[in-house]
Amino acid sequence: MHLLPLLLLLLLPLGGGNNMADWKELNTLSPEDLAKVKHNDPRLDSFANVVEERYGLPKDLLVAVKNAGEMSETLGKPSPKGAKGVMQFIDKTREGYPHDVYDPMASIDAAGRMFKDILKSYNNNVMAAVAHYNGGWVQGKAYMAGKPVPSQSQTAPYLQRIREYMEKRSAQQATPPSQLTTSFRLGVSP
């Protein structure tokens, strides 16, 4: 049984998170079976929504990063750059947000903690925080300054995938455009 999701459940206000039942069954999986869960499993989406609510993040931000940004099909193997787990943490970043990278729920929670912190650094500009998540301080600061992100070959398409995914999810959920713009700052990318 995984304690982190249960602790999060206890910390949420009563009635908070309308998707909690979907992800609870993940707690019953063995570590081996949990590591086999695909990055885009709807139960992980539900858990990501719970984490977003817990840390005050824009709805579906972690879902977008997980499903459109990282898209980690191989949870059990590091990427060519050494990123691991469903949220693709590199070892240096994971030092600041310790967790078992092969436990997708722990990885999603760590990403939630990280986004909570880095959003403060970028005055809640979500796309700058996403650029930082993907490529570090240099990309985040470049985005905030309105400059092209330095690693155009990786970060620019990453930002575009996140933006498109969030817009699509918003349309499917009938989120008013003004609410999406306020919470996600979907301005034109630099």
N, C-alpha and C. Protein backbone atom coordinates (compact mmCIF):
# COMPACT_ATOMS: atom_id res chain seq x y z
N MET A 1 0.84 -1.18 0.00
CA MET A 1 0.00 0.00 0.00
C MET A 1 0.89 1.24 0.00
N HIS A 2 0.48 2.26 -0.72
CA HIS A 2 1.25 3.48 -0.86
C HIS A 2 0.69 4.52 0.10
N LEU A 3 1.49 5.02 1.01
CA LEU A 3 1.03 5.94 2.04
C LEU A 3 0.83 7.36 1.52
N LEU A 4 1.64 7.80 0.58
CA LEU A 4 1.55 9.18 0.11
C LEU A 4 0.15 9.53 -0.39
N PRO A 5 -0.47 8.75 -1.28
CA PRO A 5 -1.81 9.10 -1.74
C PRO A 5 -2.82 9.12 -0.60
N LEU A 6 -2.68 8.21 0.35
CA LEU A 6 -3.62 8.19 1.47
C LEU A 6 -3.44 9.42 2.33
N LEU A 7 -2.20 9.86 2.53
CA LEU A 7 -1.97 11.08 3.29
C LEU A 7 -2.55 12.29 2.57
N LEU A 8 -2.40 12.33 1.26
CA LEU A 8 -2.99 13.43 0.49
C LEU A 8 -4.50 13.44 0.65
N LEU A 9 -5.11 12.28 0.63
CA LEU A 9 -6.56 12.18 0.79
C LEU A 9 -6.98 12.76 2.12
N LEU A 10 -6.22 12.48 3.17
CA LEU A 10 -6.55 12.99 4.49
C LEU A 10 -6.38 14.50 4.57
N LEU A 11 -5.45 15.05 3.81
CA LEU A 11 -5.18 16.48 3.86
C LEU A 11 -6.15 17.30 3.02
N LEU A 12 -6.84 16.67 2.09
CA LEU A 12 -7.79 17.40 1.26
C LEU A 12 -9.03 17.74 2.06
N PRO A 13 -9.65 18.88 1.78
CA PRO A 13 -10.90 19.20 2.46
C PRO A 13 -11.96 18.16 2.10
N LEU A 14 -12.89 17.95 3.02
CA LEU A 14 -13.98 17.02 2.73
C LEU A 14 -14.69 17.47 1.47
N GLY A 15 -14.96 16.53 0.60
CA GLY A 15 -15.64 16.83 -0.65
C GLY A 15 -14.68 17.31 -1.73
N GLY A 16 -13.43 17.55 -1.39
CA GLY A 16 -12.47 18.05 -2.36
C GLY A 16 -12.06 16.96 -3.32
N GLY A 17 -11.92 17.29 -4.56
CA GLY A 17 -11.47 16.32 -5.57
C GLY A 17 -12.58 15.35 -5.91
N ASN A 18 -13.16 15.46 -7.06
CA ASN A 18 -14.27 14.60 -7.43
C ASN A 18 -13.82 13.33 -8.14
N ASN A 19 -12.52 13.11 -8.25
CA ASN A 19 -12.03 11.94 -8.95
C ASN A 19 -11.30 10.96 -8.03
N MET A 20 -11.43 11.13 -6.72
CA MET A 20 -10.62 10.35 -5.80
C MET A 20 -10.85 8.85 -5.92
N ALA A 21 -12.08 8.44 -6.13
CA ALA A 21 -12.35 7.01 -6.18
C ALA A 21 -11.62 6.34 -7.35
N ASP A 22 -11.41 7.06 -8.43
CA ASP A 22 -10.77 6.49 -9.61
C ASP A 22 -9.35 6.01 -9.33
N TRP A 23 -8.62 6.76 -8.56
CA TRP A 23 -7.21 6.44 -8.35
C TRP A 23 -6.94 5.57 -7.13
N LYS A 24 -7.93 5.41 -6.25
CA LYS A 24 -7.70 4.65 -5.02
C LYS A 24 -7.25 3.22 -5.29
N GLU A 25 -7.75 2.62 -6.36
CA GLU A 25 -7.37 1.23 -6.64
C GLU A 25 -5.88 1.09 -6.95
N LEU A 26 -5.23 2.17 -7.35
CA LEU A 26 -3.78 2.11 -7.58
C LEU A 26 -3.04 1.74 -6.30
N ASN A 27 -3.61 2.08 -5.14
CA ASN A 27 -3.00 1.76 -3.86
C ASN A 27 -2.92 0.25 -3.61
N THR A 28 -3.74 -0.51 -4.30
CA THR A 28 -3.77 -1.95 -4.06
C THR A 28 -2.78 -2.71 -4.94
N LEU A 29 -2.16 -2.02 -5.90
CA LEU A 29 -1.24 -2.68 -6.81
C LEU A 29 0.12 -2.91 -6.16
N SER A 30 0.76 -4.00 -6.54
CA SER A 30 2.12 -4.26 -6.08
C SER A 30 3.04 -3.23 -6.75
N PRO A 31 4.22 -2.99 -6.18
CA PRO A 31 5.16 -2.06 -6.83
C PRO A 31 5.46 -2.46 -8.28
N GLU A 32 5.55 -3.75 -8.55
CA GLU A 32 5.82 -4.22 -9.91
C GLU A 32 4.67 -3.86 -10.85
N ASP A 33 3.43 -4.07 -10.38
CA ASP A 33 2.27 -3.75 -11.21
C ASP A 33 2.09 -2.25 -11.35
N LEU A 34 2.38 -1.51 -10.30
CA LEU A 34 2.27 -0.05 -10.36
C LEU A 34 3.25 0.52 -11.38
N ALA A 35 4.42 -0.07 -11.45
CA ALA A 35 5.43 0.40 -12.42
C ALA A 35 5.01 0.12 -13.86
N LYS A 36 4.05 -0.78 -14.06
CA LYS A 36 3.57 -1.10 -15.41
C LYS A 36 2.43 -0.20 -15.86
N VAL A 37 1.92 0.63 -14.97
CA VAL A 37 0.81 1.52 -15.32
C VAL A 37 1.31 2.52 -16.36
N LYS A 38 0.57 2.68 -17.43
CA LYS A 38 0.94 3.59 -18.52
C LYS A 38 0.81 5.04 -18.07
N HIS A 39 1.62 5.90 -18.66
CA HIS A 39 1.63 7.32 -18.29
C HIS A 39 0.27 7.98 -18.45
N ASN A 40 -0.52 7.54 -19.41
CA ASN A 40 -1.80 8.18 -19.69
C ASN A 40 -2.99 7.42 -19.11
N ASP A 41 -2.75 6.56 -18.14
CA ASP A 41 -3.82 5.83 -17.46
C ASP A 41 -4.78 6.84 -16.81
N PRO A 42 -6.09 6.72 -17.06
CA PRO A 42 -7.05 7.67 -16.48
C PRO A 42 -6.98 7.74 -14.95
N ARG A 43 -6.59 6.67 -14.30
CA ARG A 43 -6.48 6.70 -12.84
C ARG A 43 -5.36 7.65 -12.41
N LEU A 44 -4.27 7.69 -13.20
CA LEU A 44 -3.20 8.64 -12.89
C LEU A 44 -3.65 10.07 -13.18
N ASP A 45 -4.47 10.25 -14.20
CA ASP A 45 -5.04 11.58 -14.47
C ASP A 45 -5.86 12.04 -13.26
N SER A 46 -6.67 11.14 -12.72
CA SER A 46 -7.49 11.48 -11.55
C SER A 46 -6.61 11.82 -10.36
N PHE A 47 -5.56 11.04 -10.16
CA PHE A 47 -4.66 11.33 -9.05
C PHE A 47 -3.96 12.68 -9.27
N ALA A 48 -3.55 12.95 -10.51
CA ALA A 48 -2.89 14.23 -10.82
C ALA A 48 -3.84 15.38 -10.50
N ASN A 49 -5.13 15.24 -10.78
CA ASN A 49 -6.10 16.29 -10.45
C ASN A 49 -6.19 16.51 -8.94
N VAL A 50 -6.11 15.43 -8.17
CA VAL A 50 -6.11 15.54 -6.71
C VAL A 50 -4.87 16.31 -6.24
N VAL A 51 -3.72 15.99 -6.82
CA VAL A 51 -2.47 16.67 -6.46
C VAL A 51 -2.54 18.15 -6.86
N GLU A 52 -3.10 18.42 -8.03
CA GLU A 52 -3.24 19.82 -8.47
C GLU A 52 -4.08 20.61 -7.47
N GLU A 53 -5.16 20.01 -7.03
CA GLU A 53 -6.02 20.68 -6.06
C GLU A 53 -5.27 20.88 -4.74
N ARG A 54 -4.56 19.88 -4.32
CA ARG A 54 -3.83 19.95 -3.04
C ARG A 54 -2.81 21.09 -3.04
N TYR A 55 -2.09 21.27 -4.14
CA TYR A 55 -1.04 22.27 -4.21
C TYR A 55 -1.47 23.58 -4.86
N GLY A 56 -2.76 23.72 -5.18
CA GLY A 56 -3.27 24.96 -5.74
C GLY A 56 -2.80 25.22 -7.16
N LEU A 57 -2.61 24.16 -7.93
CA LEU A 57 -2.14 24.29 -9.32
C LEU A 57 -3.33 24.39 -10.27
N PRO A 58 -3.11 24.97 -11.44
CA PRO A 58 -4.18 25.00 -12.44
C PRO A 58 -4.64 23.58 -12.79
N LYS A 59 -5.95 23.43 -12.91
CA LYS A 59 -6.51 22.13 -13.23
C LYS A 59 -5.91 21.60 -14.53
N ASP A 60 -5.52 20.35 -14.50
CA ASP A 60 -4.98 19.60 -15.63
C ASP A 60 -3.56 19.98 -16.02
N LEU A 61 -2.89 20.82 -15.25
CA LEU A 61 -1.50 21.14 -15.55
C LEU A 61 -0.63 19.89 -15.48
N LEU A 62 -0.72 19.14 -14.37
CA LEU A 62 0.10 17.93 -14.24
C LEU A 62 -0.33 16.87 -15.24
N VAL A 63 -1.61 16.81 -15.53
CA VAL A 63 -2.11 15.85 -16.53
C VAL A 63 -1.49 16.18 -17.89
N ALA A 64 -1.45 17.47 -18.23
CA ALA A 64 -0.88 17.88 -19.52
C ALA A 64 0.61 17.58 -19.57
N VAL A 65 1.33 17.89 -18.50
CA VAL A 65 2.77 17.63 -18.49
C VAL A 65 3.03 16.13 -18.62
N LYS A 66 2.25 15.35 -17.91
CA LYS A 66 2.42 13.89 -17.92
C LYS A 66 2.05 13.29 -19.28
N ASN A 67 0.94 13.70 -19.83
CA ASN A 67 0.41 13.05 -21.03
C ASN A 67 0.88 13.66 -22.35
N ALA A 68 1.12 14.95 -22.36
CA ALA A 68 1.51 15.61 -23.61
C ALA A 68 2.97 16.05 -23.61
N GLY A 69 3.49 16.33 -22.44
CA GLY A 69 4.87 16.78 -22.36
C GLY A 69 5.84 15.63 -22.25
N GLU A 70 5.70 14.87 -21.20
CA GLU A 70 6.67 13.80 -20.93
C GLU A 70 6.37 12.52 -21.72
N MET A 71 5.15 12.09 -21.72
CA MET A 71 4.71 10.91 -22.49
C MET A 71 5.62 9.71 -22.29
N SER A 72 5.97 9.44 -21.06
CA SER A 72 6.93 8.38 -20.76
C SER A 72 6.31 7.00 -20.89
N GLU A 73 6.57 6.36 -21.99
CA GLU A 73 6.06 5.00 -22.21
C GLU A 73 6.86 3.95 -21.46
N THR A 74 8.08 4.28 -21.10
CA THR A 74 8.95 3.30 -20.45
C THR A 74 9.25 3.75 -19.02
N LEU A 75 8.30 3.51 -18.12
CA LEU A 75 8.45 3.95 -16.74
C LEU A 75 9.61 3.24 -16.05
N GLY A 76 9.92 2.05 -16.48
CA GLY A 76 10.96 1.27 -15.82
C GLY A 76 12.37 1.55 -16.30
N LYS A 77 12.50 2.35 -17.37
CA LYS A 77 13.83 2.63 -17.92
C LYS A 77 14.06 4.14 -18.01
N PRO A 78 15.27 4.59 -17.73
CA PRO A 78 15.57 6.02 -17.88
C PRO A 78 15.56 6.42 -19.35
N SER A 79 15.26 7.70 -19.58
CA SER A 79 15.32 8.25 -20.94
C SER A 79 16.78 8.35 -21.34
N PRO A 80 17.05 8.66 -22.62
CA PRO A 80 18.45 8.83 -23.05
C PRO A 80 19.20 9.90 -22.24
N LYS A 81 18.46 10.87 -21.68
CA LYS A 81 19.10 11.91 -20.88
C LYS A 81 19.09 11.60 -19.39
N GLY A 82 18.61 10.40 -19.03
CA GLY A 82 18.62 9.98 -17.63
C GLY A 82 17.37 10.32 -16.83
N ALA A 83 16.35 10.85 -17.48
CA ALA A 83 15.10 11.16 -16.79
C ALA A 83 14.36 9.86 -16.50
N LYS A 84 13.71 9.84 -15.32
CA LYS A 84 13.08 8.60 -14.87
C LYS A 84 11.64 8.83 -14.43
N GLY A 85 10.83 7.81 -14.62
CA GLY A 85 9.47 7.80 -14.10
C GLY A 85 8.47 8.55 -14.96
N VAL A 86 7.24 8.52 -14.52
CA VAL A 86 6.14 9.09 -15.28
C VAL A 86 6.29 10.60 -15.48
N MET A 87 6.94 11.28 -14.55
CA MET A 87 7.13 12.73 -14.66
C MET A 87 8.55 13.09 -15.10
N GLN A 88 9.34 12.07 -15.44
CA GLN A 88 10.66 12.23 -16.05
C GLN A 88 11.60 13.16 -15.26
N PHE A 89 11.82 12.81 -14.00
CA PHE A 89 12.77 13.55 -13.17
C PHE A 89 14.19 13.08 -13.45
N ILE A 90 15.12 14.05 -13.57
CA ILE A 90 16.54 13.69 -13.61
C ILE A 90 17.01 13.65 -12.15
N ASP A 91 18.11 12.96 -11.90
CA ASP A 91 18.56 12.77 -10.52
C ASP A 91 18.79 14.08 -9.79
N LYS A 92 19.39 15.06 -10.44
CA LYS A 92 19.68 16.34 -9.77
C LYS A 92 18.39 17.02 -9.32
N THR A 93 17.37 17.03 -10.16
CA THR A 93 16.09 17.64 -9.80
C THR A 93 15.41 16.85 -8.69
N ARG A 94 15.51 15.55 -8.77
CA ARG A 94 14.86 14.69 -7.78
C ARG A 94 15.43 14.92 -6.38
N GLU A 95 16.68 15.36 -6.29
CA GLU A 95 17.28 15.64 -4.98
C GLU A 95 16.45 16.68 -4.22
N GLY A 96 15.89 17.64 -4.92
CA GLY A 96 15.06 18.67 -4.28
C GLY A 96 13.65 18.21 -3.98
N TYR A 97 13.23 17.14 -4.61
CA TYR A 97 11.87 16.62 -4.45
C TYR A 97 11.96 15.10 -4.34
N PRO A 98 12.52 14.61 -3.24
CA PRO A 98 12.79 13.17 -3.11
C PRO A 98 11.53 12.32 -3.26
N HIS A 99 11.66 11.26 -4.01
CA HIS A 99 10.57 10.31 -4.20
C HIS A 99 11.09 9.10 -4.96
N ASP A 100 10.30 8.05 -4.98
CA ASP A 100 10.60 6.86 -5.77
C ASP A 100 10.13 7.13 -7.20
N VAL A 101 11.06 7.35 -8.11
CA VAL A 101 10.68 7.72 -9.48
C VAL A 101 9.88 6.64 -10.19
N TYR A 102 9.97 5.42 -9.72
CA TYR A 102 9.23 4.34 -10.37
C TYR A 102 7.85 4.12 -9.78
N ASP A 103 7.49 4.92 -8.78
CA ASP A 103 6.12 4.94 -8.25
C ASP A 103 5.45 6.15 -8.91
N PRO A 104 4.57 5.92 -9.88
CA PRO A 104 4.01 7.05 -10.62
C PRO A 104 3.25 8.04 -9.75
N MET A 105 2.63 7.55 -8.69
CA MET A 105 1.89 8.46 -7.82
C MET A 105 2.85 9.35 -7.02
N ALA A 106 3.94 8.79 -6.55
CA ALA A 106 4.94 9.59 -5.84
C ALA A 106 5.59 10.59 -6.79
N SER A 107 5.79 10.20 -8.03
CA SER A 107 6.39 11.08 -9.03
C SER A 107 5.45 12.25 -9.36
N ILE A 108 4.17 11.97 -9.48
CA ILE A 108 3.18 13.02 -9.74
C ILE A 108 3.14 13.99 -8.57
N ASP A 109 3.17 13.47 -7.35
CA ASP A 109 3.16 14.34 -6.18
C ASP A 109 4.42 15.21 -6.15
N ALA A 110 5.56 14.64 -6.46
CA ALA A 110 6.81 15.41 -6.49
C ALA A 110 6.73 16.52 -7.54
N ALA A 111 6.16 16.21 -8.70
CA ALA A 111 5.99 17.23 -9.74
C ALA A 111 5.04 18.33 -9.26
N GLY A 112 4.01 17.95 -8.52
CA GLY A 112 3.11 18.95 -7.95
C GLY A 112 3.83 19.88 -6.99
N ARG A 113 4.66 19.32 -6.12
CA ARG A 113 5.44 20.14 -5.18
C ARG A 113 6.38 21.06 -5.94
N MET A 114 7.01 20.51 -6.99
CA MET A 114 7.94 21.31 -7.78
C MET A 114 7.23 22.46 -8.48
N PHE A 115 6.10 22.17 -9.12
CA PHE A 115 5.36 23.23 -9.80
C PHE A 115 4.87 24.29 -8.82
N LYS A 116 4.45 23.89 -7.64
CA LYS A 116 4.04 24.87 -6.64
C LYS A 116 5.18 25.84 -6.36
N ASP A 117 6.39 25.31 -6.22
CA ASP A 117 7.55 26.14 -5.95
C ASP A 117 7.95 27.01 -7.14
N ILE A 118 8.05 26.40 -8.32
CA ILE A 118 8.56 27.18 -9.45
C ILE A 118 7.54 28.19 -9.98
N LEU A 119 6.27 27.93 -9.79
CA LEU A 119 5.28 28.94 -10.21
C LEU A 119 5.49 30.25 -9.45
N LYS A 120 5.88 30.16 -8.19
CA LYS A 120 6.16 31.38 -7.41
C LYS A 120 7.31 32.16 -8.04
N SER A 121 8.30 31.45 -8.54
CA SER A 121 9.47 32.10 -9.14
C SER A 121 9.13 32.84 -10.43
N TYR A 122 8.04 32.45 -11.06
CA TYR A 122 7.66 33.04 -12.35
C TYR A 122 6.34 33.80 -12.27
N ASN A 123 6.04 34.32 -11.07
CA ASN A 123 4.84 35.13 -10.89
C ASN A 123 3.59 34.42 -11.42
N ASN A 124 3.53 33.12 -11.18
CA ASN A 124 2.42 32.26 -11.60
C ASN A 124 2.23 32.16 -13.11
N ASN A 125 3.26 32.45 -13.87
CA ASN A 125 3.19 32.26 -15.32
C ASN A 125 3.41 30.78 -15.60
N VAL A 126 2.35 30.10 -15.96
CA VAL A 126 2.38 28.64 -16.10
C VAL A 126 3.32 28.20 -17.21
N MET A 127 3.31 28.89 -18.33
CA MET A 127 4.17 28.46 -19.43
C MET A 127 5.64 28.65 -19.11
N ALA A 128 5.98 29.70 -18.37
CA ALA A 128 7.37 29.87 -17.94
C ALA A 128 7.75 28.73 -16.98
N ALA A 129 6.83 28.35 -16.11
CA ALA A 129 7.09 27.24 -15.19
C ALA A 129 7.25 25.92 -15.96
N VAL A 130 6.44 25.74 -16.99
CA VAL A 130 6.55 24.53 -17.82
C VAL A 130 7.89 24.52 -18.56
N ALA A 131 8.29 25.68 -19.08
CA ALA A 131 9.60 25.77 -19.75
C ALA A 131 10.71 25.41 -18.77
N HIS A 132 10.59 25.88 -17.54
CA HIS A 132 11.57 25.55 -16.50
C HIS A 132 11.56 24.05 -16.20
N TYR A 133 10.37 23.49 -16.06
CA TYR A 133 10.24 22.06 -15.75
C TYR A 133 10.93 21.23 -16.83
N ASN A 134 10.79 21.64 -18.06
CA ASN A 134 11.38 20.89 -19.17
C ASN A 134 12.87 21.14 -19.33
N GLY A 135 13.30 22.38 -19.16
CA GLY A 135 14.68 22.69 -19.49
C GLY A 135 15.47 23.48 -18.47
N GLY A 136 14.90 23.72 -17.30
CA GLY A 136 15.63 24.41 -16.25
C GLY A 136 15.44 25.92 -16.26
N TRP A 137 16.21 26.57 -15.37
CA TRP A 137 16.10 28.01 -15.17
C TRP A 137 16.32 28.81 -16.45
N VAL A 138 17.26 28.40 -17.27
CA VAL A 138 17.57 29.18 -18.47
C VAL A 138 16.32 29.31 -19.36
N GLN A 139 15.62 28.20 -19.58
CA GLN A 139 14.43 28.23 -20.43
C GLN A 139 13.30 29.01 -19.77
N GLY A 140 13.10 28.81 -18.47
CA GLY A 140 12.04 29.53 -17.77
C GLY A 140 12.26 31.03 -17.79
N LYS A 141 13.48 31.46 -17.52
CA LYS A 141 13.79 32.90 -17.52
C LYS A 141 13.69 33.48 -18.93
N ALA A 142 14.12 32.72 -19.93
CA ALA A 142 14.00 33.20 -21.31
C ALA A 142 12.54 33.40 -21.67
N TYR A 143 11.69 32.46 -21.30
CA TYR A 143 10.26 32.59 -21.60
C TYR A 143 9.69 33.83 -20.91
N MET A 144 10.03 34.03 -19.64
CA MET A 144 9.53 35.19 -18.89
C MET A 144 9.98 36.50 -19.53
N ALA A 145 11.19 36.51 -20.07
CA ALA A 145 11.74 37.73 -20.67
C ALA A 145 11.22 37.94 -22.09
N GLY A 146 10.41 37.01 -22.59
CA GLY A 146 9.88 37.14 -23.94
C GLY A 146 10.87 36.78 -25.02
N LYS A 147 11.92 36.09 -24.64
CA LYS A 147 12.95 35.67 -25.60
C LYS A 147 12.67 34.25 -26.05
N PRO A 148 13.18 33.87 -27.21
CA PRO A 148 13.06 32.47 -27.62
C PRO A 148 13.77 31.58 -26.61
N VAL A 149 13.15 30.45 -26.29
CA VAL A 149 13.80 29.54 -25.36
C VAL A 149 15.04 28.95 -26.02
N PRO A 150 16.15 28.86 -25.27
CA PRO A 150 17.43 28.45 -25.86
C PRO A 150 17.42 27.09 -26.56
N SER A 151 16.78 26.11 -25.97
CA SER A 151 16.83 24.79 -26.61
C SER A 151 15.57 24.59 -27.46
N GLN A 152 15.46 25.37 -28.51
CA GLN A 152 14.29 25.33 -29.37
C GLN A 152 13.95 23.92 -29.84
N SER A 153 14.96 23.09 -30.03
CA SER A 153 14.69 21.76 -30.55
C SER A 153 13.90 20.91 -29.57
N GLN A 154 13.94 21.21 -28.29
CA GLN A 154 13.21 20.41 -27.31
C GLN A 154 12.13 21.21 -26.59
N THR A 155 12.46 22.36 -26.02
CA THR A 155 11.52 23.06 -25.16
C THR A 155 10.38 23.71 -25.94
N ALA A 156 10.64 24.32 -27.08
CA ALA A 156 9.57 24.97 -27.83
C ALA A 156 8.46 23.98 -28.23
N PRO A 157 8.80 22.82 -28.81
CA PRO A 157 7.73 21.86 -29.12
C PRO A 157 7.03 21.33 -27.86
N TYR A 158 7.80 21.19 -26.78
CA TYR A 158 7.23 20.75 -25.50
C TYR A 158 6.16 21.74 -25.04
N LEU A 159 6.48 23.04 -25.07
CA LEU A 159 5.52 24.06 -24.68
C LEU A 159 4.29 24.03 -25.58
N GLN A 160 4.50 23.84 -26.87
CA GLN A 160 3.37 23.78 -27.81
C GLN A 160 2.46 22.59 -27.50
N ARG A 161 3.06 21.44 -27.22
CA ARG A 161 2.24 20.26 -26.88
C ARG A 161 1.42 20.50 -25.62
N ILE A 162 2.03 21.12 -24.62
CA ILE A 162 1.31 21.40 -23.37
C ILE A 162 0.17 22.38 -23.64
N ARG A 163 0.46 23.45 -24.37
CA ARG A 163 -0.57 24.46 -24.68
C ARG A 163 -1.74 23.82 -25.43
N GLU A 164 -1.45 23.04 -26.45
CA GLU A 164 -2.52 22.40 -27.24
C GLU A 164 -3.32 21.42 -26.39
N TYR A 165 -2.64 20.65 -25.56
CA TYR A 165 -3.33 19.68 -24.71
C TYR A 165 -4.27 20.40 -23.74
N MET A 166 -3.77 21.48 -23.11
CA MET A 166 -4.59 22.23 -22.17
C MET A 166 -5.80 22.87 -22.87
N GLU A 167 -5.60 23.40 -24.05
CA GLU A 167 -6.71 23.99 -24.79
C GLU A 167 -7.75 22.93 -25.14
N LYS A 168 -7.29 21.76 -25.56
CA LYS A 168 -8.21 20.68 -25.91
C LYS A 168 -8.98 20.21 -24.69
N ARG A 169 -8.28 20.00 -23.57
CA ARG A 169 -8.96 19.57 -22.33
C ARG A 169 -9.96 20.62 -21.88
N SER A 170 -9.59 21.88 -22.01
CA SER A 170 -10.48 22.95 -21.60
C SER A 170 -11.76 22.94 -22.44
N ALA A 171 -11.60 22.75 -23.74
CA ALA A 171 -12.76 22.71 -24.63
C ALA A 171 -13.65 21.51 -24.32
N GLN A 172 -13.03 20.37 -24.02
CA GLN A 172 -13.81 19.18 -23.70
C GLN A 172 -14.57 19.34 -22.39
N GLN A 173 -14.01 20.10 -21.48
CA GLN A 173 -14.65 20.28 -20.17
C GLN A 173 -15.47 21.56 -20.11
N ALA A 174 -15.55 22.27 -21.23
CA ALA A 174 -16.32 23.50 -21.34
C ALA A 174 -15.87 24.54 -20.32
N THR A 175 -14.56 24.66 -20.11
CA THR A 175 -14.03 25.69 -19.24
C THR A 175 -14.15 27.02 -19.98
N PRO A 176 -14.76 28.03 -19.33
CA PRO A 176 -14.86 29.33 -20.01
C PRO A 176 -13.49 29.84 -20.40
N PRO A 177 -13.34 30.38 -21.62
CA PRO A 177 -12.03 30.87 -22.08
C PRO A 177 -11.40 31.86 -21.12
N SER A 178 -12.18 32.72 -20.50
CA SER A 178 -11.61 33.70 -19.58
C SER A 178 -10.97 33.01 -18.38
N GLN A 179 -11.59 31.94 -17.89
CA GLN A 179 -11.02 31.20 -16.76
C GLN A 179 -9.73 30.50 -17.18
N LEU A 180 -9.71 29.94 -18.37
CA LEU A 180 -8.50 29.26 -18.85
C LEU A 180 -7.36 30.26 -18.99
N THR A 181 -7.64 31.40 -19.59
CA THR A 181 -6.61 32.40 -19.79
C THR A 181 -6.07 32.89 -18.46
N THR A 182 -6.95 33.10 -17.50
CA THR A 182 -6.52 33.57 -16.19
C THR A 182 -5.65 32.54 -15.49
N SER A 183 -6.07 31.30 -15.49
CA SER A 183 -5.35 30.29 -14.72
C SER A 183 -4.15 29.74 -15.47
N PHE A 184 -4.15 29.82 -16.80
CA PHE A 184 -3.08 29.17 -17.55
C PHE A 184 -2.24 30.14 -18.36
N ARG A 185 -2.67 31.39 -18.49
CA ARG A 185 -1.92 32.39 -19.24
C ARG A 185 -1.48 31.87 -20.60
N LEU A 186 -2.44 31.70 -21.45
CA LEU A 186 -2.17 31.09 -22.76
C LEU A 186 -1.76 32.11 -23.81
N GLY A 187 -1.02 33.10 -23.45
CA GLY A 187 -0.58 34.09 -24.42
C GLY A 187 0.27 33.47 -25.51
N VAL A 188 0.59 34.27 -26.49
CA VAL A 188 1.43 33.81 -27.59
C VAL A 188 2.80 33.53 -27.06
N SER A 189 3.37 32.39 -27.45
CA SER A 189 4.70 32.06 -26.97
C SER A 189 5.73 33.01 -27.59
N PRO A 190 6.80 33.30 -26.83
CA PRO A 190 7.81 34.21 -27.36
C PRO A 190 8.54 33.60 -28.54
